Structures are given as structure tokens and as C-alpha cells.
Amino acid sequence: MKIKPIQDHPQAPVQMDGAKDAKIRMLIGPDDKAPTFHMRHFEVAPGGHTPYHEHPYEHEILILKGTGTAKTQEGDRPFKAGDVIFVPPSVMHGFINTSTAPVEFICLIPAPGTCK
């Protein structure tokens, strides 16, 4: 079992094209030998955003702090702390911080090789 504060996990800039002022921490992942899910923590600075992108797997997201906009194919959708977001596979999405404080969220994804 692993118990470790979020702040004790290394934080790095999001390296995908289209990201701006977004950072990521791998909370549970390959180093933990997690076989099914990986848990990540994102922090997006005011005015920052994750890339607008898609991939063949789903996301489950819990907004911890802040407010912003989820960019989707159906249009922009506002979100706030306490909201839960489901992004189905192969759906374009991105998250924009529209506030003056950081946005923080937890994101779950399937471990590589577990998608069918």
C-alpha cells in the first residue's frame, strides 16, 4: 500500500503540444506497478490550459480547486471545484483555467495496454 501526500510527488510541465502553464504529477502509475488505472494530478495556472486533443481511452476527472471551461466538440462547458467530468474515448477535450486562481484536478486513465 502507498500513502503519500500529493505535494511529495514530483511535478513537471505538461509536455504535449498546445499546453500552456499546466503541470502534472503522476500520483499512481508505472512506478507503483499499477496494473489497471493511473492517477494524475494537474495544476493549471490562471490563463493556462491543457491541450485540445483526443485519444482512444476515457478520462475520469474530479475538480479539486478553481473554476474553468471544458472545451468540447459540443461547445464549451463551465466547471467548478467539486464537479466530476467523464470524457469518453475518442472525444476532443481540453481544460482552460478562466479564473484568477489555479485550477487543480485529479484525472484517472487506464494503464497502457488495458484498453480494448
Protein backbone atom coordinates (compact mmCIF):
# COMPACT_ATOMS: atom_id res chain seq x y z
CA MET A 1 0.00 0.00 0.00
CA LYS A 2 1.15 3.53 -0.75
CA ILE A 3 0.17 6.59 1.26
CA LYS A 4 1.89 9.80 0.22
CA PRO A 5 0.81 13.48 0.07
CA ILE A 6 0.15 14.97 -3.37
CA GLN A 7 2.93 17.54 -2.80
CA ASP A 8 5.51 14.76 -2.30
CA HIS A 9 5.09 13.56 -5.90
CA PRO A 10 7.33 15.28 -8.47
CA GLN A 11 5.61 17.93 -10.58
CA ALA A 12 6.55 18.64 -14.19
CA PRO A 13 5.22 20.82 -17.02
CA VAL A 14 2.69 19.16 -19.33
CA GLN A 15 4.79 18.38 -22.42
CA MET A 16 2.01 17.97 -25.02
CA ASP A 17 1.79 20.49 -27.87
CA GLY A 18 -0.90 23.05 -27.11
CA ALA A 19 -0.45 23.05 -23.33
CA LYS A 20 0.12 26.37 -21.58
CA ASP A 21 1.02 26.85 -17.90
CA ALA A 22 -0.15 23.33 -16.98
CA LYS A 23 1.71 20.97 -14.64
CA ILE A 24 1.25 17.26 -13.92
CA ARG A 25 2.10 14.85 -11.10
CA MET A 26 1.84 11.08 -11.55
CA LEU A 27 0.26 10.03 -8.25
CA ILE A 28 -0.15 6.33 -9.05
CA GLY A 29 1.36 4.87 -12.18
CA PRO A 30 4.05 2.69 -13.70
CA ASP A 31 6.49 3.18 -10.82
CA ASP A 32 3.85 1.75 -8.49
CA LYS A 33 3.22 -1.16 -10.85
CA ALA A 34 -0.46 -0.15 -11.00
CA PRO A 35 -1.91 -2.72 -13.44
CA THR A 36 -5.26 -1.16 -14.34
CA PHE A 37 -5.50 2.60 -13.63
CA HIS A 38 -3.15 5.55 -13.38
CA MET A 39 -3.98 8.60 -11.26
CA ARG A 40 -2.63 12.02 -12.13
CA HIS A 41 -2.88 15.47 -10.54
CA PHE A 42 -2.99 18.52 -12.80
CA GLU A 43 -2.48 22.15 -11.85
CA VAL A 44 -3.34 24.82 -14.41
CA ALA A 45 -2.31 28.43 -13.76
CA PRO A 46 -4.70 31.32 -14.41
CA GLY A 47 -4.99 31.76 -18.18
CA GLY A 48 -3.39 28.35 -18.76
CA HIS A 49 -4.85 25.26 -20.42
CA THR A 50 -4.29 21.65 -21.28
CA PRO A 51 -4.09 20.75 -24.98
CA TYR A 52 -7.26 20.28 -27.02
CA HIS A 53 -6.85 16.64 -28.01
CA GLU A 54 -8.35 13.17 -28.16
CA HIS A 55 -7.20 9.59 -27.51
CA PRO A 56 -8.74 6.11 -27.59
CA TYR A 57 -9.30 5.85 -23.83
CA GLU A 58 -11.60 7.52 -21.32
CA HIS A 59 -10.82 10.00 -18.53
CA GLU A 60 -12.50 10.34 -15.15
CA ILE A 61 -11.82 13.74 -13.61
CA LEU A 62 -12.52 15.32 -10.21
CA ILE A 63 -12.10 19.10 -9.97
CA LEU A 64 -10.41 19.86 -6.63
CA LYS A 65 -9.94 23.64 -6.83
CA GLY A 66 -10.87 26.52 -9.07
CA THR A 67 -13.16 27.19 -11.99
CA GLY A 68 -12.73 26.94 -15.70
CA THR A 69 -14.05 25.74 -19.01
CA ALA A 70 -14.02 22.28 -20.53
CA LYS A 71 -13.57 22.68 -24.28
CA THR A 72 -15.58 20.01 -26.12
CA GLN A 73 -16.79 19.22 -29.62
CA GLU A 74 -20.29 20.22 -28.49
CA GLY A 75 -19.11 23.59 -27.16
CA ASP A 76 -17.53 24.98 -24.01
CA ARG A 77 -18.86 23.79 -20.64
CA PRO A 78 -18.10 25.54 -17.32
CA PHE A 79 -16.73 23.56 -14.36
CA LYS A 80 -16.01 24.30 -10.70
CA ALA A 81 -14.48 22.64 -7.64
CA GLY A 82 -16.46 19.54 -6.71
CA ASP A 83 -17.53 18.75 -10.29
CA VAL A 84 -16.94 15.31 -11.77
CA ILE A 85 -16.22 15.05 -15.51
CA PHE A 86 -16.35 11.94 -17.71
CA VAL A 87 -14.59 12.16 -21.08
CA PRO A 88 -15.46 9.16 -23.28
CA PRO A 89 -12.85 7.62 -25.59
CA SER A 90 -12.05 9.48 -28.83
CA VAL A 91 -13.78 12.72 -27.76
CA MET A 92 -11.94 16.01 -28.27
CA HIS A 93 -11.36 17.81 -24.96
CA GLY A 94 -9.23 20.36 -23.16
CA PHE A 95 -9.41 22.26 -19.88
CA ILE A 96 -8.98 26.03 -19.61
CA ASN A 97 -8.46 28.00 -16.40
CA THR A 98 -10.68 31.06 -16.74
CA SER A 99 -10.18 32.26 -13.15
CA THR A 100 -7.53 34.22 -11.23
CA ALA A 101 -6.54 31.22 -9.06
CA PRO A 102 -5.02 27.85 -10.01
CA VAL A 103 -7.29 25.01 -11.14
CA GLU A 104 -6.41 21.60 -9.72
CA PHE A 105 -7.90 18.27 -10.72
CA ILE A 106 -7.38 14.54 -10.39
CA CYS A 107 -7.50 12.56 -13.63
CA LEU A 108 -7.79 8.76 -13.90
CA ILE A 109 -6.78 6.95 -17.08
CA PRO A 110 -6.36 3.27 -17.95
CA ALA A 111 -2.85 1.88 -17.65
CA PRO A 112 -1.21 1.33 -21.06
CA GLY A 113 -2.24 -1.98 -22.57
CA THR A 114 -5.52 -2.24 -20.66
CA CYS A 115 -7.74 -0.56 -23.32
CA LYS A 116 -9.66 -2.85 -25.63
